[in-house]
Protein backbone atom coordinates (compact mmCIF):
# COMPACT_ATOMS: atom_id res chain seq x y z
CA UNK A 1 63.20 -33.07 -0.06
CA UNK A 2 60.74 -34.25 -2.71
CA UNK A 3 59.09 -32.16 -5.41
CA UNK A 4 55.79 -33.47 -6.78
CA UNK A 5 53.73 -32.03 -9.63
CA UNK A 6 50.09 -31.97 -8.56
CA UNK A 7 48.56 -30.43 -11.69
CA UNK A 8 49.60 -28.71 -14.91
CA UNK A 9 47.20 -26.60 -16.91
CA UNK A 10 47.77 -25.08 -20.36
CA UNK A 11 45.75 -22.06 -21.48
CA UNK A 12 46.11 -20.12 -24.73
CA UNK A 13 48.43 -17.61 -22.99
CA UNK A 14 50.05 -19.44 -20.07
CA UNK A 15 51.17 -22.75 -18.63
CA UNK A 16 50.31 -23.15 -14.95
CA UNK A 17 52.07 -25.59 -12.62
CA UNK A 18 50.85 -26.62 -9.19
CA UNK A 19 53.52 -28.47 -7.26
CA UNK A 20 54.36 -29.55 -3.75
CA UNK A 21 57.57 -29.68 -1.77
CA UNK A 22 57.76 -32.30 0.94
CA UNK A 23 60.52 -32.12 3.53
CA UNK A 24 61.77 -34.93 5.73
CA UNK A 25 61.46 -33.61 9.30
CA UNK A 26 65.05 -34.77 10.03
CA UNK A 27 66.34 -32.30 7.43
CA UNK A 28 65.12 -29.44 9.60
CA UNK A 29 67.49 -30.55 12.38
CA UNK A 30 70.32 -29.00 10.32
CA UNK A 31 68.55 -26.55 7.98
CA UNK A 32 65.99 -23.88 8.83
CA UNK A 33 64.36 -23.21 5.44
CA UNK A 34 63.63 -25.01 2.17
CA UNK A 35 62.54 -23.38 -1.08
CA UNK A 36 61.69 -25.55 -4.10
CA UNK A 37 61.84 -23.85 -7.49
CA UNK A 38 61.68 -24.73 -11.18
CA UNK A 39 63.58 -23.82 -14.32
CA UNK A 40 62.20 -24.86 -17.70
CA UNK A 41 63.26 -25.41 -21.28
CA UNK A 42 61.32 -26.70 -24.25
CA UNK A 43 62.24 -29.31 -26.83
CA UNK A 44 63.47 -26.51 -29.13
CA UNK A 45 66.06 -25.29 -26.62
CA UNK A 46 64.20 -22.18 -25.44
CA UNK A 47 64.58 -21.30 -21.75
CA UNK A 48 61.70 -20.02 -19.63
CA UNK A 49 61.48 -18.32 -16.29
CA UNK A 50 59.14 -20.10 -13.89
CA UNK A 51 58.24 -17.48 -11.29
CA UNK A 52 56.09 -18.83 -8.53
CA UNK A 53 52.85 -17.09 -7.65
CA UNK A 54 52.92 -18.02 -3.99
CA UNK A 55 52.59 -20.95 -1.66
CA UNK A 56 50.88 -22.22 1.44
CA UNK A 57 51.14 -24.99 4.00
CA UNK A 58 48.17 -27.30 4.47
CA UNK A 59 46.86 -28.04 7.96
CA UNK A 60 48.00 -31.68 7.95
CA UNK A 61 51.59 -30.97 6.84
CA UNK A 62 54.38 -32.92 8.57
CA UNK A 63 56.65 -29.85 8.69
CA UNK A 64 56.34 -26.07 8.31
CA UNK A 65 58.29 -26.47 5.04
CA UNK A 66 55.79 -28.86 3.37
CA UNK A 67 54.45 -26.27 0.95
CA UNK A 68 52.10 -26.17 -2.02
CA UNK A 69 53.30 -23.81 -4.78
CA UNK A 70 51.88 -22.46 -8.01
CA UNK A 71 53.90 -21.02 -10.88
CA UNK A 72 53.12 -19.63 -14.34
CA UNK A 73 55.11 -19.65 -17.57
CA UNK A 74 54.26 -17.07 -20.24
CA UNK A 75 55.01 -16.91 -23.98
CA UNK A 76 55.79 -20.54 -24.74
CA UNK A 77 57.05 -21.03 -28.29
CA UNK A 78 54.03 -22.27 -30.31
CA UNK A 79 56.27 -24.78 -32.13
CA UNK A 80 57.31 -26.50 -28.87
CA UNK A 81 55.81 -29.92 -28.20
CA UNK A 82 57.02 -30.40 -24.62
CA UNK A 83 58.39 -28.57 -21.62
CA UNK A 84 61.26 -29.96 -19.57
CA UNK A 85 61.27 -28.82 -15.96
CA UNK A 86 64.51 -28.75 -13.99
CA UNK A 87 63.48 -28.74 -10.31
CA UNK A 88 65.85 -27.68 -7.56
CA UNK A 89 65.60 -26.76 -3.90
CA UNK A 90 67.63 -24.38 -1.79
CA UNK A 91 68.10 -25.43 1.81
CA UNK A 92 69.47 -22.75 4.08
CA UNK A 93 70.38 -21.48 7.50
CA UNK A 94 71.56 -18.04 8.58
CA UNK A 95 75.13 -19.28 7.99
CA UNK A 96 74.70 -20.46 4.39
CA UNK A 97 72.79 -22.35 1.75
CA UNK A 98 73.03 -25.45 -0.42
CA UNK A 99 71.26 -26.20 -3.72
CA UNK A 100 69.87 -29.67 -4.41
CA UNK A 101 69.03 -30.63 -8.02
CA UNK A 102 66.40 -33.24 -8.93
CA UNK A 103 65.60 -35.34 -12.01
CA UNK A 104 63.99 -33.49 -14.88
CA UNK A 105 60.23 -33.71 -15.39
CA UNK A 106 58.88 -33.68 -18.99
CA UNK A 107 55.37 -32.52 -19.83
CA UNK A 108 53.86 -32.93 -23.29
CA UNK A 109 52.13 -29.85 -24.67
């Protein structure tokens, strides 16, 4: 599983993230679903929820789990100078799930 940031956009009220999850087709031999998500903190130690707005699969995707996601953070501390994203993915089957954590991604505000 790979998580790639495609675009980040800051507005006066929100911070929008557009990211992609890419799944090696071999992973789907053992797992039936993949869901990439984000947690975030800022350089002041504040934590933020990163609820995703929805996702879709493009026509040329290698797997049904190669998804494009968008997410929005609200009420970022105005004193913060960067956001640190903590990406993770949950891979699952009907029998259980496993969480995979990835390297942090820092974005300057």
